Amino acid sequence: MVILIAEKSDIIRTGIRYILHEQDKNQIVKEIENPDKFKRTIEKEKPFLVFGSSDFLNDSYFLGLKISKDKIKYIGICMGAVSQFGANFLSDSIQIHSTKADIFRILQKFSTAQPRHDFGKKDHELTTREIEVVCEIAKGLTNKEIADKLFLSTHTIVTHRKNITRKLGIKTASGLTVYAIINNLIEIN
């Protein structure tokens, strides 16, 4: 899942990117500094979360919005007051003086609220069996335990894990656990 940082300032973009990667090194973070390319970037990258300044997230952008605001969560990077109209479209906001904890809170708030992915679509390549394996990994099972539970060989589970890593770019069990939580594949009890 992609997070987009839409901000003209290199320092602010770099700071937010650093904090996002500190939270999850496997997080896909894209950046844009040119407001003229913003709409095209949104359509191309299809982010689930956008951190944006008023140069990007302004009334004229929201008036021409073709993608439902329920599909993308917009987080305003505020240096002052937000227009009332724009505030209606923002899911949340951070101030220029916000802390890492503020950004982590926003990530947690919107990551767990993400709708379940439709893995039948072309852009989600995991098979049903790979999703089952991810869920079992997230529950803390070893390859042998997963193989026994799914009535497969350990070698087959290792092959599934290699395919999952190749498709998602996530190498660790903890990364797969975060992926499973974010995509509502498992419930946190």
Protein backbone atom coordinates (compact mmCIF):
# COMPACT_ATOMS: atom_id res chain seq x y z
CA MET A 1 0.00 0.00 0.00
CA VAL A 2 1.30 3.37 -1.02
CA ILE A 3 1.58 6.51 1.06
CA LEU A 4 2.04 9.74 -0.90
CA ILE A 5 3.72 12.86 0.48
CA ALA A 6 2.61 15.91 -1.49
CA GLU A 7 4.70 18.86 -0.33
CA LYS A 8 6.92 21.46 -2.02
CA SER A 9 9.44 21.60 0.84
CA ASP A 10 12.27 19.06 0.59
CA ILE A 11 12.85 19.29 4.34
CA ILE A 12 9.24 18.51 5.24
CA ARG A 13 8.98 15.67 2.68
CA THR A 14 12.25 14.16 3.87
CA GLY A 15 11.22 14.40 7.52
CA ILE A 16 7.85 12.73 6.99
CA ARG A 17 9.43 10.01 4.80
CA TYR A 18 12.03 9.35 7.50
CA ILE A 19 9.35 8.99 10.18
CA LEU A 20 7.23 6.71 7.96
CA HIS A 21 10.21 4.45 7.24
CA GLU A 22 11.13 4.45 10.91
CA GLN A 23 7.68 3.02 11.62
CA ASP A 24 7.85 0.44 8.79
CA LYS A 25 10.90 0.08 6.53
CA ASN A 26 8.80 -1.87 4.00
CA GLN A 27 6.28 0.95 3.63
CA ILE A 28 6.03 2.23 0.05
CA VAL A 29 6.37 6.00 0.24
CA LYS A 30 6.12 8.16 -2.88
CA GLU A 31 6.78 11.87 -3.01
CA ILE A 32 5.62 14.70 -5.22
CA GLU A 33 6.72 18.32 -5.10
CA ASN A 34 4.87 19.72 -8.14
CA PRO A 35 1.16 20.49 -7.59
CA ASP A 36 0.57 20.39 -11.37
CA LYS A 37 1.32 16.64 -11.38
CA PHE A 38 -0.69 15.85 -8.25
CA LYS A 39 -3.92 14.53 -9.82
CA ARG A 40 -2.01 12.31 -12.27
CA THR A 41 0.13 10.95 -9.45
CA ILE A 42 -2.96 10.14 -7.36
CA GLU A 43 -4.52 8.27 -10.30
CA LYS A 44 -1.29 6.41 -11.10
CA GLU A 45 -0.13 5.47 -7.59
CA LYS A 46 -3.58 4.98 -5.97
CA PRO A 47 -2.32 5.71 -2.45
CA PHE A 48 -4.39 4.81 0.59
CA LEU A 49 -2.96 7.75 2.53
CA VAL A 50 -1.87 11.21 1.34
CA PHE A 51 0.04 13.69 3.47
CA GLY A 52 -0.36 17.01 1.68
CA SER A 53 0.08 20.72 2.18
CA SER A 54 -2.44 23.33 1.10
CA ASP A 55 -0.49 23.69 -2.17
CA PHE A 56 -1.92 20.26 -3.05
CA LEU A 57 -4.94 19.70 -0.82
CA ASN A 58 -6.90 22.81 -1.61
CA ASP A 59 -10.49 23.62 -2.45
CA SER A 60 -9.96 23.43 -6.23
CA TYR A 61 -8.47 19.93 -5.91
CA PHE A 62 -11.36 18.66 -3.79
CA LEU A 63 -13.94 20.25 -6.09
CA GLY A 64 -12.55 18.24 -9.02
CA LEU A 65 -12.14 15.05 -7.01
CA LYS A 66 -13.07 11.95 -8.97
CA ILE A 67 -11.88 9.38 -6.42
CA SER A 68 -14.07 8.99 -3.35
CA LYS A 69 -12.54 10.45 -0.22
CA ASP A 70 -13.42 7.16 1.48
CA LYS A 71 -10.84 5.34 -0.66
CA ILE A 72 -8.02 7.76 0.10
CA LYS A 73 -7.37 9.28 3.50
CA TYR A 74 -6.11 12.84 3.21
CA ILE A 75 -3.89 14.18 5.99
CA GLY A 76 -3.31 17.91 5.86
CA ILE A 77 0.18 19.27 6.57
CA CYS A 78 -0.89 22.52 8.18
CA MET A 79 1.11 25.63 8.83
CA GLY A 80 -1.95 27.67 9.68
CA ALA A 81 -5.70 27.50 9.37
CA VAL A 82 -7.35 25.09 6.94
CA SER A 83 -10.30 26.36 4.91
CA GLN A 84 -13.65 25.08 6.14
CA PHE A 85 -14.30 23.46 2.77
CA GLY A 86 -10.92 21.68 2.79
CA ALA A 87 -11.39 20.60 6.39
CA ASN A 88 -14.51 18.71 5.34
CA PHE A 89 -12.38 16.51 3.08
CA LEU A 90 -9.41 15.97 5.39
CA SER A 91 -9.40 12.75 7.40
CA ASP A 92 -6.92 14.26 9.85
CA SER A 93 -4.11 16.79 9.97
CA ILE A 94 -0.66 17.36 11.36
CA GLN A 95 0.92 20.68 12.20
CA ILE A 96 4.38 21.66 11.14
CA HIS A 97 5.44 21.14 14.79
CA SER A 98 3.79 17.68 15.15
CA THR A 99 5.80 14.91 16.76
CA LYS A 100 6.64 11.42 15.53
CA ALA A 101 4.01 10.13 17.92
CA ASP A 102 1.38 12.24 16.13
CA ILE A 103 2.30 10.71 12.77
CA PHE A 104 2.44 7.18 14.24
CA ARG A 105 -1.06 7.75 15.69
CA ILE A 106 -2.37 8.70 12.25
CA LEU A 107 -0.71 5.66 10.65
CA GLN A 108 -2.23 3.37 13.25
CA LYS A 109 -5.64 5.00 12.95
CA PHE A 110 -5.89 4.63 9.19
CA SER A 111 -3.87 1.47 8.65
CA THR A 112 -6.22 -0.62 10.79
CA ALA A 113 -9.25 0.99 9.17
CA GLN A 114 -8.24 -0.08 5.68
CA PRO A 115 -10.83 -2.14 3.86
CA ARG A 116 -10.02 -5.74 3.06
CA HIS A 117 -8.24 -6.02 -0.25
CA ASP A 118 -9.91 -7.75 -3.15
CA PHE A 119 -7.17 -10.22 -3.97
CA GLY A 120 -8.90 -11.24 -7.20
CA LYS A 121 -7.80 -8.02 -8.86
CA LYS A 122 -4.73 -7.93 -11.09
CA ASP A 123 -2.77 -5.54 -8.87
CA HIS A 124 -2.96 -8.00 -5.95
CA GLU A 125 -1.10 -11.12 -6.96
CA LEU A 126 -1.37 -13.28 -3.83
CA THR A 127 -3.18 -16.58 -4.31
CA THR A 128 -5.73 -17.81 -1.81
CA ARG A 129 -3.19 -20.30 -0.46
CA GLU A 130 -0.54 -17.58 -0.10
CA ILE A 131 -3.03 -15.48 1.88
CA GLU A 132 -3.61 -18.48 4.17
CA VAL A 133 0.15 -18.82 4.65
CA VAL A 134 0.50 -15.09 5.45
CA CYS A 135 -2.26 -15.41 8.06
CA GLU A 136 -0.56 -18.37 9.72
CA ILE A 137 2.82 -16.61 9.71
CA ALA A 138 1.13 -13.59 11.32
CA LYS A 139 -0.21 -15.90 14.04
CA GLY A 140 3.38 -16.91 14.83
CA LEU A 141 3.41 -20.43 13.39
CA THR A 142 6.62 -21.97 12.05
CA ASN A 143 6.91 -23.40 8.53
CA LYS A 144 6.48 -26.93 9.92
CA GLU A 145 3.39 -25.96 11.95
CA ILE A 146 1.85 -24.23 8.92
CA ALA A 147 2.58 -27.27 6.75
CA ASP A 148 0.91 -29.58 9.26
CA LYS A 149 -2.12 -27.31 9.66
CA LEU A 150 -2.66 -26.90 5.89
CA PHE A 151 -1.76 -30.53 5.07
CA LEU A 152 1.19 -29.50 2.90
CA SER A 153 4.90 -30.27 2.90
CA THR A 154 7.36 -27.92 4.57
CA HIS A 155 9.01 -27.46 1.17
CA THR A 156 5.70 -26.20 -0.27
CA ILE A 157 5.38 -23.68 2.56
CA VAL A 158 8.93 -22.45 1.91
CA THR A 159 8.03 -22.03 -1.78
CA HIS A 160 4.88 -20.09 -0.84
CA ARG A 161 6.96 -17.84 1.44
CA LYS A 162 9.43 -17.16 -1.38
CA ASN A 163 6.57 -16.24 -3.70
CA ILE A 164 5.00 -14.00 -1.05
CA THR A 165 8.33 -12.23 -0.50
CA ARG A 166 8.77 -11.76 -4.25
CA LYS A 167 5.24 -10.38 -4.71
CA LEU A 168 5.04 -8.15 -1.63
CA GLY A 169 8.68 -7.30 -1.07
CA ILE A 170 8.26 -8.19 2.60
CA LYS A 171 10.95 -10.52 3.97
CA THR A 172 10.26 -10.79 7.69
CA ALA A 173 7.52 -12.45 9.72
CA SER A 174 6.92 -9.18 11.55
CA GLY A 175 6.53 -7.36 8.23
CA LEU A 176 4.01 -9.97 7.06
CA THR A 177 2.17 -9.61 10.37
CA VAL A 178 1.85 -5.86 9.82
CA TYR A 179 0.70 -6.53 6.24
CA ALA A 180 -1.94 -8.98 7.48
CA ILE A 181 -3.21 -6.52 10.09
CA ILE A 182 -3.29 -3.56 7.71
CA ASN A 183 -5.19 -5.59 5.12
CA ASN A 184 -7.61 -7.04 7.69
CA LEU A 185 -6.49 -10.58 6.99
CA ILE A 186 -6.35 -11.27 10.72
CA GLU A 187 -8.03 -9.70 13.71
CA ILE A 188 -6.12 -8.39 16.68
CA ASN A 189 -7.49 -9.83 19.91
